[in-house]
Amino acid sequence: MHRYILRRALGIGPRTEHDLAEMTSYEGDVFIMSNSGLTGFVNEKEIVEQQRPEPDFESASAALVDTASRARG
């Protein structure tokens, strides 16, 4: 799993900077966009393991938010 961390806010100033990355994706790949509220409290292995049993993306997202909330205390 590749981890990319967003470090810039887009749209704040008159000029924006962005990073572009090109990668190969395959059928069944899932891309998760998150912030440090998730990745700061839940490690990559937990994220991957938690996504597998969930039946849909909405349930998977809710489960990740719950996990991160519990980890924060």
PDB file of N, CA and C in Angstrom:
ATOM      1  N   MET A   1       0.854  -1.172   0.000  1.00  0.00           N
ATOM      2  CA  MET A   1       0.000   0.000   0.000  1.00  0.00           C
ATOM      3  C   MET A   1       0.896   1.230   0.000  1.00  0.00           C
ATOM      4  N   HIS A   2       0.609   2.150  -0.880  1.00  0.00           N
ATOM      5  CA  HIS A   2       1.369   3.394  -0.935  1.00  0.00           C
ATOM      6  C   HIS A   2       0.709   4.420  -0.037  1.00  0.00           C
ATOM      7  N   ARG A   3       1.505   5.182   0.647  1.00  0.00           N
ATOM      8  CA  ARG A   3       0.959   6.212   1.527  1.00  0.00           C
ATOM      9  C   ARG A   3       1.409   7.568   1.003  1.00  0.00           C
ATOM     10  N   TYR A   4       0.455   8.390   0.662  1.00  0.00           N
ATOM     11  CA  TYR A   4       0.723   9.750   0.231  1.00  0.00           C
ATOM     12  C   TYR A   4       0.077  10.681   1.238  1.00  0.00           C
ATOM     13  N   ILE A   5       0.820  11.637   1.713  1.00  0.00           N
ATOM     14  CA  ILE A   5       0.301  12.563   2.716  1.00  0.00           C
ATOM     15  C   ILE A   5       0.082  13.913   2.066  1.00  0.00           C
ATOM     16  N   LEU A   6      -1.131  14.441   2.187  1.00  0.00           N
ATOM     17  CA  LEU A   6      -1.440  15.761   1.657  1.00  0.00           C
ATOM     18  C   LEU A   6      -0.833  16.800   2.577  1.00  0.00           C
ATOM     19  N   ARG A   7      -0.011  17.669   2.040  1.00  0.00           N
ATOM     20  CA  ARG A   7       0.665  18.668   2.853  1.00  0.00           C
ATOM     21  C   ARG A   7       0.343  20.083   2.426  1.00  0.00           C
ATOM     22  N   ARG A   8      -0.466  20.261   1.430  1.00  0.00           N
ATOM     23  CA  ARG A   8      -0.787  21.595   0.943  1.00  0.00           C
ATOM     24  C   ARG A   8      -2.289  21.746   0.835  1.00  0.00           C
ATOM     25  N   ALA A   9      -2.766  22.921   1.173  1.00  0.00           N
ATOM     26  CA  ALA A   9      -4.183  23.218   0.999  1.00  0.00           C
ATOM     27  C   ALA A   9      -4.355  23.883  -0.355  1.00  0.00           C
ATOM     28  N   LEU A  10      -5.288  23.419  -1.136  1.00  0.00           N
ATOM     29  CA  LEU A  10      -5.528  23.992  -2.455  1.00  0.00           C
ATOM     30  C   LEU A  10      -6.588  25.081  -2.366  1.00  0.00           C
ATOM     31  N   GLY A  11      -6.367  26.169  -3.079  1.00  0.00           N
ATOM     32  CA  GLY A  11      -7.370  27.208  -3.174  1.00  0.00           C
ATOM     33  C   GLY A  11      -7.250  28.319  -2.159  1.00  0.00           C
ATOM     34  N   ILE A  12      -6.223  28.335  -1.329  1.00  0.00           N
ATOM     35  CA  ILE A  12      -6.090  29.375  -0.311  1.00  0.00           C
ATOM     36  C   ILE A  12      -5.546  30.664  -0.905  1.00  0.00           C
ATOM     37  N   GLY A  13      -4.556  30.569  -1.746  1.00  0.00           N
ATOM     38  CA  GLY A  13      -3.932  31.750  -2.327  1.00  0.00           C
ATOM     39  C   GLY A  13      -4.275  31.898  -3.793  1.00  0.00           C
ATOM     40  N   PRO A  14      -3.731  32.941  -4.407  1.00  0.00           N
ATOM     41  CA  PRO A  14      -4.020  33.151  -5.823  1.00  0.00           C
ATOM     42  C   PRO A  14      -3.372  32.094  -6.721  1.00  0.00           C
ATOM     43  N   ARG A  15      -2.366  31.447  -6.212  1.00  0.00           N
ATOM     44  CA  ARG A  15      -1.675  30.417  -6.981  1.00  0.00           C
ATOM     45  C   ARG A  15      -1.564  29.157  -6.135  1.00  0.00           C
ATOM     46  N   THR A  16      -1.847  28.034  -6.711  1.00  0.00           N
ATOM     47  CA  THR A  16      -1.781  26.780  -5.958  1.00  0.00           C
ATOM     48  C   THR A  16      -0.652  25.909  -6.474  1.00  0.00           C
ATOM     49  N   GLU A  17      -0.149  25.068  -5.600  1.00  0.00           N
ATOM     50  CA  GLU A  17       0.848  24.070  -5.973  1.00  0.00           C
ATOM     51  C   GLU A  17       0.230  22.701  -5.756  1.00  0.00           C
ATOM     52  N   HIS A  18       0.601  21.770  -6.573  1.00  0.00           N
ATOM     53  CA  HIS A  18       0.071  20.428  -6.407  1.00  0.00           C
ATOM     54  C   HIS A  18       1.123  19.404  -6.806  1.00  0.00           C
ATOM     55  N   ASP A  19       0.939  18.221  -6.315  1.00  0.00           N
ATOM     56  CA  ASP A  19       1.809  17.102  -6.659  1.00  0.00           C
ATOM     57  C   ASP A  19       1.019  16.155  -7.546  1.00  0.00           C
ATOM     58  N   LEU A  20       1.669  15.646  -8.538  1.00  0.00           N
ATOM     59  CA  LEU A  20       1.054  14.647  -9.398  1.00  0.00           C
ATOM     60  C   LEU A  20       1.880  13.377  -9.325  1.00  0.00           C
ATOM     61  N   ALA A  21       1.204  12.268  -9.282  1.00  0.00           N
ATOM     62  CA  ALA A  21       1.895  10.983  -9.295  1.00  0.00           C
ATOM     63  C   ALA A  21       1.163  10.070 -10.260  1.00  0.00           C
ATOM     64  N   GLU A  22       1.904   9.308 -10.985  1.00  0.00           N
ATOM     65  CA  GLU A  22       1.300   8.361 -11.908  1.00  0.00           C
ATOM     66  C   GLU A  22       1.601   6.966 -11.400  1.00  0.00           C
ATOM     67  N   MET A  23       0.575   6.137 -11.363  1.00  0.00           N
ATOM     68  CA  MET A  23       0.771   4.767 -10.910  1.00  0.00           C
ATOM     69  C   MET A  23      -0.191   3.865 -11.657  1.00  0.00           C
ATOM     70  N   THR A  24       0.121   2.623 -11.669  1.00  0.00           N
ATOM     71  CA  THR A  24      -0.740   1.650 -12.317  1.00  0.00           C
ATOM     72  C   THR A  24      -1.789   1.193 -11.317  1.00  0.00           C
ATOM     73  N   SER A  25      -3.028   1.181 -11.748  1.00  0.00           N
ATOM     74  CA  SER A  25      -4.086   0.651 -10.883  1.00  0.00           C
ATOM     75  C   SER A  25      -4.671  -0.592 -11.549  1.00  0.00           C
ATOM     76  N   TYR A  26      -5.221  -1.430 -10.718  1.00  0.00           N
ATOM     77  CA  TYR A  26      -5.756  -2.698 -11.192  1.00  0.00           C
ATOM     78  C   TYR A  26      -7.198  -2.842 -10.726  1.00  0.00           C
ATOM     79  N   GLU A  27      -7.948  -3.661 -11.417  1.00  0.00           N
ATOM     80  CA  GLU A  27      -9.331  -3.903 -11.036  1.00  0.00           C
ATOM     81  C   GLU A  27      -9.379  -4.348  -9.583  1.00  0.00           C
ATOM     82  N   GLY A  28     -10.239  -3.729  -8.811  1.00  0.00           N
ATOM     83  CA  GLY A  28     -10.364  -4.065  -7.396  1.00  0.00           C
ATOM     84  C   GLY A  28      -9.556  -3.178  -6.478  1.00  0.00           C
ATOM     85  N   ASP A  29      -8.647  -2.358  -7.024  1.00  0.00           N
ATOM     86  CA  ASP A  29      -7.884  -1.429  -6.190  1.00  0.00           C
ATOM     87  C   ASP A  29      -8.820  -0.419  -5.551  1.00  0.00           C
ATOM     88  N   VAL A  30      -8.488  -0.005  -4.357  1.00  0.00           N
ATOM     89  CA  VAL A  30      -9.262   1.005  -3.638  1.00  0.00           C
ATOM     90  C   VAL A  30      -8.309   2.125  -3.243  1.00  0.00           C
ATOM     91  N   PHE A  31      -8.706   3.358  -3.504  1.00  0.00           N
ATOM     92  CA  PHE A  31      -7.908   4.521  -3.126  1.00  0.00           C
ATOM     93  C   PHE A  31      -8.613   5.233  -1.985  1.00  0.00           C
ATOM     94  N   ILE A  32      -7.891   5.498  -0.937  1.00  0.00           N
ATOM     95  CA  ILE A  32      -8.454   6.161   0.238  1.00  0.00           C
ATOM     96  C   ILE A  32      -7.777   7.511   0.395  1.00  0.00           C
ATOM     97  N   MET A  33      -8.566   8.558   0.352  1.00  0.00           N
ATOM     98  CA  MET A  33      -8.035   9.898   0.621  1.00  0.00           C
ATOM     99  C   MET A  33      -8.387  10.232   2.060  1.00  0.00           C
ATOM    100  N   SER A  34      -7.382  10.578   2.832  1.00  0.00           N
ATOM    101  CA  SER A  34      -7.616  10.873   4.239  1.00  0.00           C
ATOM    102  C   SER A  34      -6.647  11.951   4.689  1.00  0.00           C
ATOM    103  N   ASN A  35      -6.768  12.312   5.937  1.00  0.00           N
ATOM    104  CA  ASN A  35      -5.828  13.270   6.515  1.00  0.00           C
ATOM    105  C   ASN A  35      -5.179  12.633   7.728  1.00  0.00           C
ATOM    106  N   SER A  36      -4.403  13.420   8.461  1.00  0.00           N
ATOM    107  CA  SER A  36      -3.686  12.865   9.604  1.00  0.00           C
ATOM    108  C   SER A  36      -4.626  12.424  10.724  1.00  0.00           C
ATOM    109  N   GLY A  37      -5.893  12.802  10.665  1.00  0.00           N
ATOM    110  CA  GLY A  37      -6.858  12.321  11.648  1.00  0.00           C
ATOM    111  C   GLY A  37      -7.066  10.826  11.545  1.00  0.00           C
ATOM    112  N   LEU A  38      -6.789  10.270  10.384  1.00  0.00           N
ATOM    113  CA  LEU A  38      -6.844   8.819  10.223  1.00  0.00           C
ATOM    114  C   LEU A  38      -5.440   8.231  10.297  1.00  0.00           C
ATOM    115  N   THR A  39      -4.569   8.675   9.401  1.00  0.00           N
ATOM    116  CA  THR A  39      -3.245   8.054   9.311  1.00  0.00           C
ATOM    117  C   THR A  39      -2.364   8.339  10.515  1.00  0.00           C
ATOM    118  N   GLY A  40      -2.713   9.359  11.308  1.00  0.00           N
ATOM    119  CA  GLY A  40      -1.952   9.635  12.519  1.00  0.00           C
ATOM    120  C   GLY A  40      -2.303   8.704  13.659  1.00  0.00           C
ATOM    121  N   PHE A  41      -3.440   8.012  13.533  1.00  0.00           N
ATOM    122  CA  PHE A  41      -3.904   7.159  14.635  1.00  0.00           C
ATOM    123  C   PHE A  41      -4.124   5.702  14.242  1.00  0.00           C
ATOM    124  N   VAL A  42      -4.215   5.437  12.952  1.00  0.00           N
ATOM    125  CA  VAL A  42      -4.480   4.072  12.480  1.00  0.00           C
ATOM    126  C   VAL A  42      -3.385   3.705  11.482  1.00  0.00           C
ATOM    127  N   ASN A  43      -2.697   2.603  11.718  1.00  0.00           N
ATOM    128  CA  ASN A  43      -1.599   2.246  10.811  1.00  0.00           C
ATOM    129  C   ASN A  43      -2.128   1.591   9.532  1.00  0.00           C
ATOM    130  N   GLU A  44      -1.255   1.498   8.539  1.00  0.00           N
ATOM    131  CA  GLU A  44      -1.649   0.983   7.223  1.00  0.00           C
ATOM    132  C   GLU A  44      -2.232  -0.420   7.292  1.00  0.00           C
ATOM    133  N   LYS A  45      -1.632  -1.277   8.099  1.00  0.00           N
ATOM    134  CA  LYS A  45      -2.117  -2.656   8.206  1.00  0.00           C
ATOM    135  C   LYS A  45      -3.556  -2.676   8.719  1.00  0.00           C
ATOM    136  N   GLU A  46      -3.846  -1.871   9.728  1.00  0.00           N
ATOM    137  CA  GLU A  46      -5.211  -1.808  10.266  1.00  0.00           C
ATOM    138  C   GLU A  46      -6.196  -1.278   9.221  1.00  0.00           C
ATOM    139  N   ILE A  47      -5.773  -0.285   8.458  1.00  0.00           N
ATOM    140  CA  ILE A  47      -6.651   0.276   7.419  1.00  0.00           C
ATOM    141  C   ILE A  47      -7.002  -0.796   6.397  1.00  0.00           C
ATOM    142  N   VAL A  48      -5.999  -1.513   5.916  1.00  0.00           N
ATOM    143  CA  VAL A  48      -6.231  -2.564   4.921  1.00  0.00           C
ATOM    144  C   VAL A  48      -7.119  -3.660   5.490  1.00  0.00           C
ATOM    145  N   GLU A  49      -6.812  -4.126   6.696  1.00  0.00           N
ATOM    146  CA  GLU A  49      -7.598  -5.205   7.314  1.00  0.00           C
ATOM    147  C   GLU A  49      -9.037  -4.783   7.548  1.00  0.00           C
ATOM    148  N   GLN A  50      -9.253  -3.532   7.880  1.00  0.00           N
ATOM    149  CA  GLN A  50     -10.595  -3.065   8.173  1.00  0.00           C
ATOM    150  C   GLN A  50     -11.433  -2.908   6.906  1.00  0.00           C
ATOM    151  N   GLN A  51     -10.819  -2.651   5.790  1.00  0.00           N
ATOM    152  CA  GLN A  51     -11.554  -2.452   4.546  1.00  0.00           C
ATOM    153  C   GLN A  51     -12.057  -3.759   3.946  1.00  0.00           C
ATOM    154  N   ARG A  52     -11.356  -4.837   4.160  1.00  0.00           N
ATOM    155  CA  ARG A  52     -11.694  -6.107   3.506  1.00  0.00           C
ATOM    156  C   ARG A  52     -13.086  -6.643   3.854  1.00  0.00           C
ATOM    157  N   PRO A  53     -13.494  -6.648   5.119  1.00  0.00           N
ATOM    158  CA  PRO A  53     -14.788  -7.277   5.419  1.00  0.00           C
ATOM    159  C   PRO A  53     -16.007  -6.380   5.160  1.00  0.00           C
ATOM    160  N   GLU A  54     -15.798  -5.096   4.912  1.00  0.00           N
ATOM    161  CA  GLU A  54     -16.933  -4.187   4.771  1.00  0.00           C
ATOM    162  C   GLU A  54     -17.606  -4.364   3.411  1.00  0.00           C
ATOM    163  N   PRO A  55     -18.949  -4.375   3.390  1.00  0.00           N
ATOM    164  CA  PRO A  55     -19.681  -4.649   2.152  1.00  0.00           C
ATOM    165  C   PRO A  55     -19.721  -3.480   1.166  1.00  0.00           C
ATOM    166  N   ASP A  56     -19.495  -2.268   1.638  1.00  0.00           N
ATOM    167  CA  ASP A  56     -19.565  -1.121   0.735  1.00  0.00           C
ATOM    168  C   ASP A  56     -18.669  -0.002   1.264  1.00  0.00           C
ATOM    169  N   PHE A  57     -18.436   0.988   0.418  1.00  0.00           N
ATOM    170  CA  PHE A  57     -17.513   2.061   0.780  1.00  0.00           C
ATOM    171  C   PHE A  57     -18.041   2.916   1.929  1.00  0.00           C
ATOM    172  N   GLU A  58     -19.339   3.114   2.007  1.00  0.00           N
ATOM    173  CA  GLU A  58     -19.901   3.918   3.096  1.00  0.00           C
ATOM    174  C   GLU A  58     -19.656   3.236   4.445  1.00  0.00           C
ATOM    175  N   SER A  59     -19.901   1.943   4.515  1.00  0.00           N
ATOM    176  CA  SER A  59     -19.646   1.191   5.753  1.00  0.00           C
ATOM    177  C   SER A  59     -18.160   1.167   6.090  1.00  0.00           C
ATOM    178  N   ALA A  60     -17.331   1.011   5.072  1.00  0.00           N
ATOM    179  CA  ALA A  60     -15.886   0.982   5.291  1.00  0.00           C
ATOM    180  C   ALA A  60     -15.395   2.318   5.824  1.00  0.00           C
ATOM    181  N   SER A  61     -15.898   3.411   5.260  1.00  0.00           N
ATOM    182  CA  SER A  61     -15.500   4.748   5.724  1.00  0.00           C
ATOM    183  C   SER A  61     -15.923   4.974   7.165  1.00  0.00           C
ATOM    184  N   ALA A  62     -17.150   4.593   7.481  1.00  0.00           N
ATOM    185  CA  ALA A  62     -17.652   4.757   8.849  1.00  0.00           C
ATOM    186  C   ALA A  62     -16.815   3.938   9.828  1.00  0.00           C
ATOM    187  N   ALA A  63     -16.435   2.742   9.430  1.00  0.00           N
ATOM    188  CA  ALA A  63     -15.619   1.886  10.299  1.00  0.00           C
ATOM    189  C   ALA A  63     -14.248   2.515  10.547  1.00  0.00           C
ATOM    190  N   LEU A  64     -13.654   3.120   9.524  1.00  0.00           N
ATOM    191  CA  LEU A  64     -12.353   3.769   9.706  1.00  0.00           C
ATOM    192  C   LEU A  64     -12.458   4.983  10.622  1.00  0.00           C
ATOM    193  N   VAL A  65     -13.513   5.757  10.479  1.00  0.00           N
ATOM    194  CA  VAL A  65     -13.714   6.919  11.359  1.00  0.00           C
ATOM    195  C   VAL A  65     -13.869   6.447  12.798  1.00  0.00           C
ATOM    196  N   ASP A  66     -14.643   5.393  13.019  1.00  0.00           N
ATOM    197  CA  ASP A  66     -14.816   4.843  14.368  1.00  0.00           C
ATOM    198  C   ASP A  66     -13.487   4.357  14.950  1.00  0.00           C
ATOM    199  N   THR A  67     -12.696   3.672  14.136  1.00  0.00           N
ATOM    200  CA  THR A  67     -11.403   3.176  14.604  1.00  0.00           C
ATOM    201  C   THR A  67     -10.482   4.324  14.986  1.00  0.00           C
ATOM    202  N   ALA A  68     -10.417   5.355  14.146  1.00  0.00           N
ATOM    203  CA  ALA A  68      -9.573   6.501  14.440  1.00  0.00           C
ATOM    204  C   ALA A  68     -10.058   7.232  15.702  1.00  0.00           C
ATOM    205  N   SER A  69     -11.357   7.356  15.860  1.00  0.00           N
ATOM    206  CA  SER A  69     -11.910   8.018  17.051  1.00  0.00           C
ATOM    207  C   SER A  69     -11.561   7.271  18.324  1.00  0.00           C
ATOM    208  N   ARG A  70     -11.668   5.952  18.282  1.00  0.00           N
ATOM    209  CA  ARG A  70     -11.311   5.146  19.458  1.00  0.00           C
ATOM    210  C   ARG A  70      -9.814   5.258  19.752  1.00  0.00           C
ATOM    211  N   ALA A  71      -8.998   5.295  18.716  1.00  0.00           N
ATOM    212  CA  ALA A  71      -7.540   5.384  18.914  1.00  0.00           C
ATOM    213  C   ALA A  71      -7.139   6.731  19.532  1.00  0.00           C
ATOM    214  N   ARG A  72      -7.870   7.778  19.192  1.00  0.00           N
ATOM    215  CA  ARG A  72      -7.571   9.104  19.739  1.00  0.00           C
ATOM    216  C   ARG A  72      -7.937   9.191  21.215  1.00  0.00           C
ATOM    217  N   GLY A  73      -8.927   8.408  21.601  1.00  0.00           N
ATOM    218  CA  GLY A  73      -9.349   8.410  23.006  1.00  0.00           C
ATOM    219  C   GLY A  73     -10.398   9.391  23.342  1.00  0.00           C
TER     220      GLY A  73
END
